[in-house]
């Protein structure tokens, strides 16, 4: 498993916090109004940190700060819809062991994940506010699905 950053940013929670959240949410008695329990946003960020690592989470947090025009005058801010679809995808996809996807922000505000399997075959998923485009080098599968079919995209790209 790749090592995480030696000193995570102050906004990244330590693994102990992740363990507590996983234990507290497994009983499905989470009350969002209780101040001692994590908010859904925190749980989502921890899920992303677990899968993409501290660096991946930090990249997303940085992308959120980008202003219109960030890409030589053309770049759009990160789409929060694309972020939600990516997060939903990460809940369902089965990734190869010891491989973390890299996350990128496209000039249109879409988010893209890219990773390789154990045979170094490439996988990609790009999330827009309305769709997910995908490709998988090992089978040659590629296409675009409506955003309502995110789980289907996760099944197609699972190893």
N, C-alpha and C. Protein backbone atom coordinates (compact mmCIF):
# COMPACT_ATOMS: atom_id res chain seq x y z
N UNK A 1 0.85 -1.18 0.00
CA UNK A 1 0.00 0.00 0.00
C UNK A 1 0.89 1.24 0.00
N UNK A 2 0.62 2.20 -0.87
CA UNK A 2 1.45 3.40 -0.91
C UNK A 2 1.38 4.16 0.41
N UNK A 3 2.50 4.73 0.77
CA UNK A 3 2.55 5.50 2.02
C UNK A 3 1.83 6.83 1.85
N UNK A 4 1.16 7.26 2.91
CA UNK A 4 0.51 8.57 2.90
C UNK A 4 1.56 9.63 3.21
N UNK A 5 1.20 10.86 3.00
CA UNK A 5 2.11 11.97 3.27
C UNK A 5 2.57 11.90 4.72
N UNK A 6 3.82 12.19 4.97
CA UNK A 6 4.36 12.11 6.32
C UNK A 6 3.65 13.08 7.27
N UNK A 7 3.34 14.24 6.79
CA UNK A 7 2.64 15.22 7.61
C UNK A 7 1.40 15.69 6.87
N UNK A 8 0.24 15.07 7.16
CA UNK A 8 -0.98 15.49 6.46
C UNK A 8 -1.34 16.92 6.81
N UNK A 9 -2.12 17.52 5.93
CA UNK A 9 -2.54 18.89 6.17
C UNK A 9 -3.42 18.94 7.41
N UNK A 10 -3.56 20.12 8.05
CA UNK A 10 -4.38 20.24 9.24
C UNK A 10 -5.85 19.87 9.00
N UNK A 11 -6.32 19.94 7.76
CA UNK A 11 -7.71 19.62 7.48
C UNK A 11 -7.94 18.11 7.34
N UNK A 12 -6.88 17.33 7.26
CA UNK A 12 -7.02 15.88 7.14
C UNK A 12 -7.05 15.26 8.52
N UNK A 13 -8.04 14.41 8.76
CA UNK A 13 -8.18 13.76 10.06
C UNK A 13 -7.27 12.54 10.15
N UNK A 14 -6.74 12.24 11.33
CA UNK A 14 -5.88 11.06 11.48
C UNK A 14 -6.69 9.77 11.34
N UNK A 15 -6.01 8.65 11.08
CA UNK A 15 -6.71 7.38 10.90
C UNK A 15 -7.61 7.01 12.08
N UNK A 16 -7.24 7.37 13.31
CA UNK A 16 -8.08 7.07 14.46
C UNK A 16 -9.47 7.67 14.27
N UNK A 17 -9.53 8.88 13.77
CA UNK A 17 -10.82 9.54 13.55
C UNK A 17 -11.64 8.77 12.52
N UNK A 18 -10.97 8.28 11.48
CA UNK A 18 -11.66 7.48 10.47
C UNK A 18 -12.23 6.22 11.09
N UNK A 19 -11.46 5.57 11.97
CA UNK A 19 -11.93 4.36 12.62
C UNK A 19 -13.16 4.65 13.47
N UNK A 20 -13.15 5.74 14.21
CA UNK A 20 -14.29 6.11 15.05
C UNK A 20 -15.51 6.37 14.20
N UNK A 21 -15.34 7.07 13.08
CA UNK A 21 -16.47 7.36 12.21
C UNK A 21 -17.04 6.09 11.61
N UNK A 22 -16.18 5.19 11.15
CA UNK A 22 -16.67 3.94 10.57
C UNK A 22 -17.45 3.15 11.60
N UNK A 23 -16.97 3.11 12.84
CA UNK A 23 -17.69 2.39 13.89
C UNK A 23 -19.01 3.07 14.21
N UNK A 24 -19.02 4.41 14.26
CA UNK A 24 -20.24 5.10 14.65
C UNK A 24 -21.30 5.09 13.57
N UNK A 25 -20.89 4.97 12.30
CA UNK A 25 -21.88 4.97 11.22
C UNK A 25 -22.35 3.58 10.86
N UNK A 26 -21.64 2.54 11.31
CA UNK A 26 -22.04 1.19 10.93
C UNK A 26 -23.35 0.77 11.57
N UNK A 27 -23.73 1.38 12.68
CA UNK A 27 -24.98 1.05 13.33
C UNK A 27 -26.16 1.79 12.74
N UNK A 28 -25.95 2.65 11.78
CA UNK A 28 -26.96 3.44 11.08
C UNK A 28 -27.86 4.24 12.02
N UNK A 29 -27.33 4.67 13.15
CA UNK A 29 -28.09 5.52 14.06
C UNK A 29 -27.49 6.92 14.10
N UNK A 30 -26.95 7.35 12.98
CA UNK A 30 -26.30 8.65 12.88
C UNK A 30 -27.34 9.76 12.90
N UNK A 31 -27.19 10.70 13.81
CA UNK A 31 -28.08 11.86 13.90
C UNK A 31 -27.27 13.08 13.51
N UNK A 32 -27.56 13.64 12.34
CA UNK A 32 -26.77 14.76 11.81
C UNK A 32 -26.83 15.98 12.72
N UNK A 33 -27.82 16.07 13.60
CA UNK A 33 -27.93 17.23 14.48
C UNK A 33 -27.03 17.12 15.71
N UNK A 34 -26.57 15.94 16.03
CA UNK A 34 -25.74 15.75 17.21
C UNK A 34 -24.34 16.28 16.95
N UNK A 35 -23.87 17.23 17.76
CA UNK A 35 -22.56 17.83 17.50
C UNK A 35 -21.41 16.87 17.67
N UNK A 36 -21.58 15.78 18.40
CA UNK A 36 -20.48 14.87 18.63
C UNK A 36 -20.32 13.86 17.50
N UNK A 37 -21.24 13.84 16.55
CA UNK A 37 -21.15 12.90 15.45
C UNK A 37 -20.73 13.64 14.18
N UNK A 38 -20.05 12.95 13.29
CA UNK A 38 -19.56 13.61 12.08
C UNK A 38 -20.70 13.99 11.14
N UNK A 39 -20.48 15.06 10.40
CA UNK A 39 -21.46 15.47 9.40
C UNK A 39 -21.28 14.61 8.15
N UNK A 40 -22.30 14.54 7.31
CA UNK A 40 -22.14 13.75 6.07
C UNK A 40 -20.95 14.22 5.24
N UNK A 41 -20.66 15.52 5.22
CA UNK A 41 -19.53 16.02 4.45
C UNK A 41 -18.22 15.46 4.98
N UNK A 42 -18.09 15.37 6.30
CA UNK A 42 -16.87 14.82 6.90
C UNK A 42 -16.73 13.35 6.54
N UNK A 43 -17.83 12.62 6.61
CA UNK A 43 -17.79 11.20 6.26
C UNK A 43 -17.38 11.03 4.80
N UNK A 44 -17.92 11.86 3.93
CA UNK A 44 -17.58 11.80 2.51
C UNK A 44 -16.10 12.10 2.30
N UNK A 45 -15.57 13.11 2.98
CA UNK A 45 -14.16 13.45 2.84
C UNK A 45 -13.27 12.32 3.34
N UNK A 46 -13.69 11.66 4.41
CA UNK A 46 -12.90 10.56 4.93
C UNK A 46 -12.93 9.35 4.00
N UNK A 47 -14.06 9.12 3.38
CA UNK A 47 -14.15 8.06 2.38
C UNK A 47 -13.16 8.35 1.24
N UNK A 48 -13.19 9.57 0.76
CA UNK A 48 -12.29 9.96 -0.33
C UNK A 48 -10.84 9.85 0.11
N UNK A 49 -10.53 10.27 1.34
CA UNK A 49 -9.17 10.18 1.84
C UNK A 49 -8.72 8.72 1.96
N UNK A 50 -9.62 7.85 2.36
CA UNK A 50 -9.28 6.42 2.48
C UNK A 50 -8.95 5.83 1.12
N UNK A 51 -9.68 6.23 0.09
CA UNK A 51 -9.49 5.64 -1.24
C UNK A 51 -8.41 6.37 -2.04
N UNK A 52 -8.44 7.70 -2.02
CA UNK A 52 -7.49 8.48 -2.82
C UNK A 52 -6.25 8.88 -2.05
N UNK A 53 -6.27 8.71 -0.73
CA UNK A 53 -5.14 9.12 0.10
C UNK A 53 -5.22 10.60 0.46
N UNK A 54 -4.37 10.99 1.37
CA UNK A 54 -4.35 12.38 1.83
C UNK A 54 -4.06 13.33 0.68
N UNK A 55 -3.16 12.92 -0.21
CA UNK A 55 -2.80 13.78 -1.35
C UNK A 55 -4.01 13.99 -2.27
N UNK A 56 -4.77 12.93 -2.53
CA UNK A 56 -5.95 13.06 -3.37
C UNK A 56 -6.99 13.98 -2.76
N UNK A 57 -7.21 13.84 -1.46
CA UNK A 57 -8.16 14.72 -0.77
C UNK A 57 -7.68 16.17 -0.82
N UNK A 58 -6.39 16.38 -0.60
CA UNK A 58 -5.85 17.74 -0.65
C UNK A 58 -6.00 18.34 -2.05
N UNK A 59 -5.82 17.53 -3.09
CA UNK A 59 -5.99 18.03 -4.46
C UNK A 59 -7.43 18.50 -4.68
N UNK A 60 -8.40 17.72 -4.21
CA UNK A 60 -9.80 18.11 -4.36
C UNK A 60 -10.07 19.41 -3.61
N UNK A 61 -9.54 19.52 -2.40
CA UNK A 61 -9.73 20.75 -1.63
C UNK A 61 -9.10 21.94 -2.35
N UNK A 62 -7.98 21.73 -2.99
CA UNK A 62 -7.34 22.78 -3.78
C UNK A 62 -8.19 23.13 -5.00
N UNK A 63 -8.72 22.11 -5.69
CA UNK A 63 -9.57 22.35 -6.85
C UNK A 63 -10.77 23.23 -6.49
N UNK A 64 -11.30 23.04 -5.30
CA UNK A 64 -12.46 23.83 -4.88
C UNK A 64 -12.14 25.32 -4.78
N UNK A 65 -10.89 25.66 -4.64
CA UNK A 65 -10.49 27.05 -4.51
C UNK A 65 -10.22 27.72 -5.87
N UNK A 66 -10.16 26.94 -6.93
CA UNK A 66 -9.90 27.50 -8.25
C UNK A 66 -11.04 28.42 -8.68
N UNK A 67 -10.68 29.53 -9.24
CA UNK A 67 -11.64 30.52 -9.72
C UNK A 67 -11.81 30.38 -11.22
N UNK A 68 -12.91 30.91 -11.78
CA UNK A 68 -13.07 30.88 -13.24
C UNK A 68 -11.85 31.49 -13.92
N UNK A 69 -11.40 30.84 -14.98
CA UNK A 69 -10.24 31.32 -15.72
C UNK A 69 -8.93 30.72 -15.25
N UNK A 70 -8.95 29.76 -14.34
CA UNK A 70 -7.71 29.21 -13.77
C UNK A 70 -6.82 28.55 -14.82
N UNK A 71 -7.37 28.09 -15.92
CA UNK A 71 -6.59 27.39 -16.95
C UNK A 71 -6.36 28.32 -18.14
N UNK A 72 -5.41 29.23 -17.99
CA UNK A 72 -5.07 30.19 -19.05
C UNK A 72 -6.30 30.96 -19.52
N UNK A 73 -7.14 31.35 -18.57
CA UNK A 73 -8.31 32.15 -18.87
C UNK A 73 -9.54 31.35 -19.25
N UNK A 74 -9.41 30.03 -19.36
CA UNK A 74 -10.52 29.20 -19.85
C UNK A 74 -11.13 28.28 -18.79
N UNK A 75 -10.41 27.96 -17.73
CA UNK A 75 -10.85 26.95 -16.78
C UNK A 75 -12.07 27.33 -15.97
N UNK A 76 -12.96 26.35 -15.79
CA UNK A 76 -14.15 26.54 -14.97
C UNK A 76 -13.91 25.99 -13.56
N UNK A 77 -14.61 26.53 -12.57
CA UNK A 77 -14.48 25.99 -11.21
C UNK A 77 -14.94 24.54 -11.17
N UNK A 78 -14.50 23.82 -10.15
CA UNK A 78 -14.90 22.43 -9.98
C UNK A 78 -16.40 22.32 -9.84
N UNK A 79 -16.99 21.39 -10.54
CA UNK A 79 -18.43 21.14 -10.46
C UNK A 79 -18.72 20.34 -9.20
N UNK A 80 -19.55 20.87 -8.32
CA UNK A 80 -19.92 20.14 -7.10
C UNK A 80 -20.76 18.91 -7.45
N UNK A 81 -21.53 18.97 -8.54
CA UNK A 81 -22.27 17.78 -8.98
C UNK A 81 -21.30 16.68 -9.39
N UNK A 82 -20.25 17.05 -10.13
CA UNK A 82 -19.24 16.07 -10.52
C UNK A 82 -18.59 15.46 -9.28
N UNK A 83 -18.34 16.28 -8.27
CA UNK A 83 -17.75 15.79 -7.01
C UNK A 83 -18.69 14.77 -6.35
N UNK A 84 -19.98 15.08 -6.30
CA UNK A 84 -20.94 14.14 -5.68
C UNK A 84 -20.99 12.83 -6.45
N UNK A 85 -20.97 12.89 -7.78
CA UNK A 85 -21.00 11.66 -8.58
C UNK A 85 -19.71 10.86 -8.39
N UNK A 86 -18.58 11.55 -8.33
CA UNK A 86 -17.32 10.85 -8.09
C UNK A 86 -17.35 10.16 -6.74
N UNK A 87 -17.85 10.86 -5.73
CA UNK A 87 -17.94 10.29 -4.39
C UNK A 87 -18.84 9.05 -4.38
N UNK A 88 -19.97 9.12 -5.07
CA UNK A 88 -20.87 7.97 -5.15
C UNK A 88 -20.18 6.81 -5.87
N UNK A 89 -19.48 7.10 -6.93
CA UNK A 89 -18.73 6.10 -7.68
C UNK A 89 -17.72 5.40 -6.77
N UNK A 90 -16.99 6.18 -5.97
CA UNK A 90 -15.97 5.61 -5.08
C UNK A 90 -16.58 4.69 -4.02
N UNK A 91 -17.82 4.91 -3.66
CA UNK A 91 -18.49 4.03 -2.70
C UNK A 91 -18.74 2.64 -3.28
N UNK A 92 -18.80 2.53 -4.61
CA UNK A 92 -19.22 1.28 -5.24
C UNK A 92 -18.15 0.57 -6.06
N UNK A 93 -17.16 1.28 -6.53
CA UNK A 93 -16.15 0.65 -7.39
C UNK A 93 -15.22 -0.24 -6.56
N UNK A 94 -14.79 -1.34 -7.17
CA UNK A 94 -13.79 -2.21 -6.55
C UNK A 94 -12.49 -1.95 -7.28
N UNK A 95 -11.55 -1.38 -6.56
CA UNK A 95 -10.26 -1.01 -7.15
C UNK A 95 -9.23 -2.10 -6.88
N UNK A 96 -8.18 -2.15 -7.71
CA UNK A 96 -7.12 -3.14 -7.46
C UNK A 96 -6.44 -2.84 -6.13
N UNK A 97 -6.01 -3.89 -5.44
CA UNK A 97 -5.32 -3.66 -4.16
C UNK A 97 -4.03 -2.87 -4.38
N UNK A 98 -3.73 -2.03 -3.43
CA UNK A 98 -2.49 -1.24 -3.43
C UNK A 98 -2.34 -0.28 -4.60
N UNK A 99 -3.46 0.10 -5.21
CA UNK A 99 -3.44 1.08 -6.30
C UNK A 99 -4.41 2.19 -5.95
N UNK A 100 -3.94 3.40 -5.89
CA UNK A 100 -4.79 4.56 -5.62
C UNK A 100 -5.03 5.33 -6.92
N UNK A 101 -6.29 5.66 -7.20
CA UNK A 101 -6.54 6.50 -8.36
C UNK A 101 -5.94 7.90 -8.16
N UNK A 102 -5.54 8.50 -9.25
CA UNK A 102 -5.14 9.91 -9.25
C UNK A 102 -6.37 10.72 -9.63
N UNK A 103 -6.47 11.92 -9.09
CA UNK A 103 -7.63 12.77 -9.38
C UNK A 103 -7.16 14.03 -10.08
N UNK A 104 -7.93 14.43 -11.11
CA UNK A 104 -7.59 15.59 -11.92
C UNK A 104 -8.82 16.47 -12.10
N UNK A 105 -8.60 17.75 -12.30
CA UNK A 105 -9.66 18.69 -12.63
C UNK A 105 -9.50 19.09 -14.07
N UNK A 106 -10.56 18.89 -14.86
CA UNK A 106 -10.53 19.30 -16.26
C UNK A 106 -10.91 20.77 -16.40
N UNK A 107 -10.58 21.35 -17.52
CA UNK A 107 -10.84 22.77 -17.76
C UNK A 107 -12.33 23.11 -17.73
N UNK A 108 -13.19 22.10 -17.94
CA UNK A 108 -14.64 22.33 -17.90
C UNK A 108 -15.22 22.21 -16.50
N UNK A 109 -14.38 21.91 -15.50
CA UNK A 109 -14.86 21.73 -14.12
C UNK A 109 -15.17 20.29 -13.78
N UNK A 110 -14.98 19.38 -14.74
CA UNK A 110 -15.21 17.96 -14.49
C UNK A 110 -14.06 17.38 -13.67
N UNK A 111 -14.36 16.32 -12.92
CA UNK A 111 -13.33 15.60 -12.18
C UNK A 111 -13.04 14.29 -12.90
N UNK A 112 -11.78 13.90 -12.90
CA UNK A 112 -11.39 12.66 -13.54
C UNK A 112 -10.56 11.82 -12.58
N UNK A 113 -10.84 10.53 -12.57
CA UNK A 113 -10.04 9.55 -11.84
C UNK A 113 -9.31 8.69 -12.85
N UNK A 114 -8.06 8.37 -12.57
CA UNK A 114 -7.28 7.49 -13.44
C UNK A 114 -6.44 6.57 -12.56
N UNK A 115 -6.39 5.29 -12.94
CA UNK A 115 -5.61 4.32 -12.19
C UNK A 115 -5.23 3.18 -13.11
N UNK A 116 -4.40 2.28 -12.59
CA UNK A 116 -3.97 1.11 -13.34
C UNK A 116 -4.28 -0.13 -12.52
N UNK A 117 -4.49 -1.26 -13.21
CA UNK A 117 -4.69 -2.52 -12.50
C UNK A 117 -3.33 -3.18 -12.25
N UNK A 118 -3.34 -4.39 -11.78
CA UNK A 118 -2.10 -5.10 -11.44
C UNK A 118 -1.23 -5.35 -12.68
N UNK A 119 -1.83 -5.36 -13.86
CA UNK A 119 -1.08 -5.57 -15.11
C UNK A 119 -0.73 -4.25 -15.79
N UNK A 120 -0.91 -3.15 -15.06
CA UNK A 120 -0.63 -1.80 -15.56
C UNK A 120 -1.52 -1.39 -16.73
N UNK A 121 -2.72 -1.95 -16.80
CA UNK A 121 -3.73 -1.52 -17.78
C UNK A 121 -4.46 -0.33 -17.19
N UNK A 122 -4.73 0.67 -18.02
CA UNK A 122 -5.30 1.94 -17.54
C UNK A 122 -6.82 1.89 -17.45
N UNK A 123 -7.32 2.61 -16.43
CA UNK A 123 -8.75 2.80 -16.21
C UNK A 123 -8.98 4.29 -16.00
N UNK A 124 -10.08 4.81 -16.52
CA UNK A 124 -10.40 6.23 -16.34
C UNK A 124 -11.90 6.42 -16.20
N UNK A 125 -12.26 7.41 -15.40
CA UNK A 125 -13.65 7.82 -15.27
C UNK A 125 -13.66 9.34 -15.14
N UNK A 126 -14.46 10.00 -15.98
CA UNK A 126 -14.59 11.46 -15.92
C UNK A 126 -16.03 11.79 -15.56
N UNK A 127 -16.18 12.61 -14.52
CA UNK A 127 -17.48 12.94 -13.97
C UNK A 127 -17.85 14.37 -14.31
N UNK A 128 -18.99 14.53 -14.97
CA UNK A 128 -19.53 15.86 -15.29
C UNK A 128 -20.83 16.03 -14.50
N UNK A 129 -21.46 17.17 -14.58
CA UNK A 129 -22.73 17.35 -13.88
C UNK A 129 -23.87 16.47 -14.41
N UNK A 130 -23.69 15.88 -15.59
CA UNK A 130 -24.78 15.10 -16.18
C UNK A 130 -24.42 13.67 -16.56
N UNK A 131 -23.13 13.34 -16.59
CA UNK A 131 -22.73 12.03 -17.10
C UNK A 131 -21.39 11.58 -16.54
N UNK A 132 -21.07 10.32 -16.80
CA UNK A 132 -19.75 9.79 -16.51
C UNK A 132 -19.24 9.11 -17.78
N UNK A 133 -18.04 9.52 -18.21
CA UNK A 133 -17.37 8.87 -19.33
C UNK A 133 -16.35 7.92 -18.74
N UNK A 134 -16.20 6.76 -19.34
CA UNK A 134 -15.29 5.77 -18.78
C UNK A 134 -14.52 5.05 -19.88
N UNK A 135 -13.38 4.50 -19.48
CA UNK A 135 -12.63 3.62 -20.38
C UNK A 135 -11.82 2.66 -19.52
N UNK A 136 -11.62 1.50 -20.09
CA UNK A 136 -10.84 0.47 -19.40
C UNK A 136 -10.02 -0.25 -20.45
N UNK A 137 -8.72 -0.13 -20.33
CA UNK A 137 -7.80 -0.62 -21.36
C UNK A 137 -7.81 -2.15 -21.47
N UNK A 138 -8.00 -2.86 -20.38
CA UNK A 138 -7.89 -4.32 -20.43
C UNK A 138 -8.98 -4.97 -21.28
N UNK A 139 -10.17 -4.42 -21.31
CA UNK A 139 -11.27 -5.00 -22.09
C UNK A 139 -11.62 -4.15 -23.31
N UNK A 140 -11.11 -2.94 -23.36
CA UNK A 140 -11.45 -2.03 -24.45
C UNK A 140 -12.79 -1.35 -24.25
N UNK A 141 -13.41 -1.57 -23.10
CA UNK A 141 -14.72 -0.94 -22.83
C UNK A 141 -14.54 0.56 -22.67
N UNK A 142 -15.42 1.30 -23.31
CA UNK A 142 -15.45 2.75 -23.14
C UNK A 142 -16.84 3.23 -23.50
N UNK A 143 -17.21 4.34 -22.92
CA UNK A 143 -18.53 4.87 -23.21
C UNK A 143 -18.90 6.00 -22.27
N UNK A 144 -20.15 6.37 -22.34
CA UNK A 144 -20.69 7.43 -21.50
C UNK A 144 -22.03 6.97 -20.96
N UNK A 145 -22.24 7.17 -19.68
CA UNK A 145 -23.49 6.84 -19.03
C UNK A 145 -24.07 8.09 -18.38
N UNK A 146 -25.37 8.16 -18.31
CA UNK A 146 -26.04 9.23 -17.61
C UNK A 146 -25.62 9.22 -16.14
N UNK A 147 -25.62 10.37 -15.52
CA UNK A 147 -25.20 10.46 -14.12
C UNK A 147 -26.03 9.57 -13.21
N UNK A 148 -27.26 9.26 -13.60
CA UNK A 148 -28.10 8.38 -12.80
C UNK A 148 -27.59 6.94 -12.82
N UNK A 149 -26.62 6.65 -13.69
CA UNK A 149 -26.08 5.30 -13.80
C UNK A 149 -24.65 5.17 -13.25
N UNK A 150 -24.34 5.98 -12.25
CA UNK A 150 -23.00 5.97 -11.65
C UNK A 150 -22.64 4.59 -11.12
N UNK A 151 -23.59 3.91 -10.49
CA UNK A 151 -23.31 2.58 -9.94
C UNK A 151 -22.97 1.61 -11.07
N UNK A 152 -23.65 1.72 -12.19
CA UNK A 152 -23.34 0.87 -13.35
C UNK A 152 -21.91 1.15 -13.84
N UNK A 153 -21.52 2.42 -13.87
CA UNK A 153 -20.14 2.76 -14.25
C UNK A 153 -19.14 2.13 -13.30
N UNK A 154 -19.45 2.14 -12.01
CA UNK A 154 -18.57 1.52 -11.00
C UNK A 154 -18.46 0.02 -11.25
N UNK A 155 -19.55 -0.61 -11.62
CA UNK A 155 -19.51 -2.06 -11.93
C UNK A 155 -18.64 -2.32 -13.15
N UNK A 156 -18.78 -1.51 -14.17
CA UNK A 156 -18.00 -1.69 -15.40
C UNK A 156 -16.51 -1.54 -15.12
N UNK A 157 -16.14 -0.61 -14.24
CA UNK A 157 -14.72 -0.33 -13.98
C UNK A 157 -14.15 -1.09 -12.79
N UNK A 158 -14.96 -1.89 -12.14
CA UNK A 158 -14.45 -2.69 -11.02
C UNK A 158 -13.59 -3.84 -11.53
N UNK A 159 -12.55 -4.17 -10.75
CA UNK A 159 -11.66 -5.26 -11.14
C UNK A 159 -12.09 -6.56 -10.48
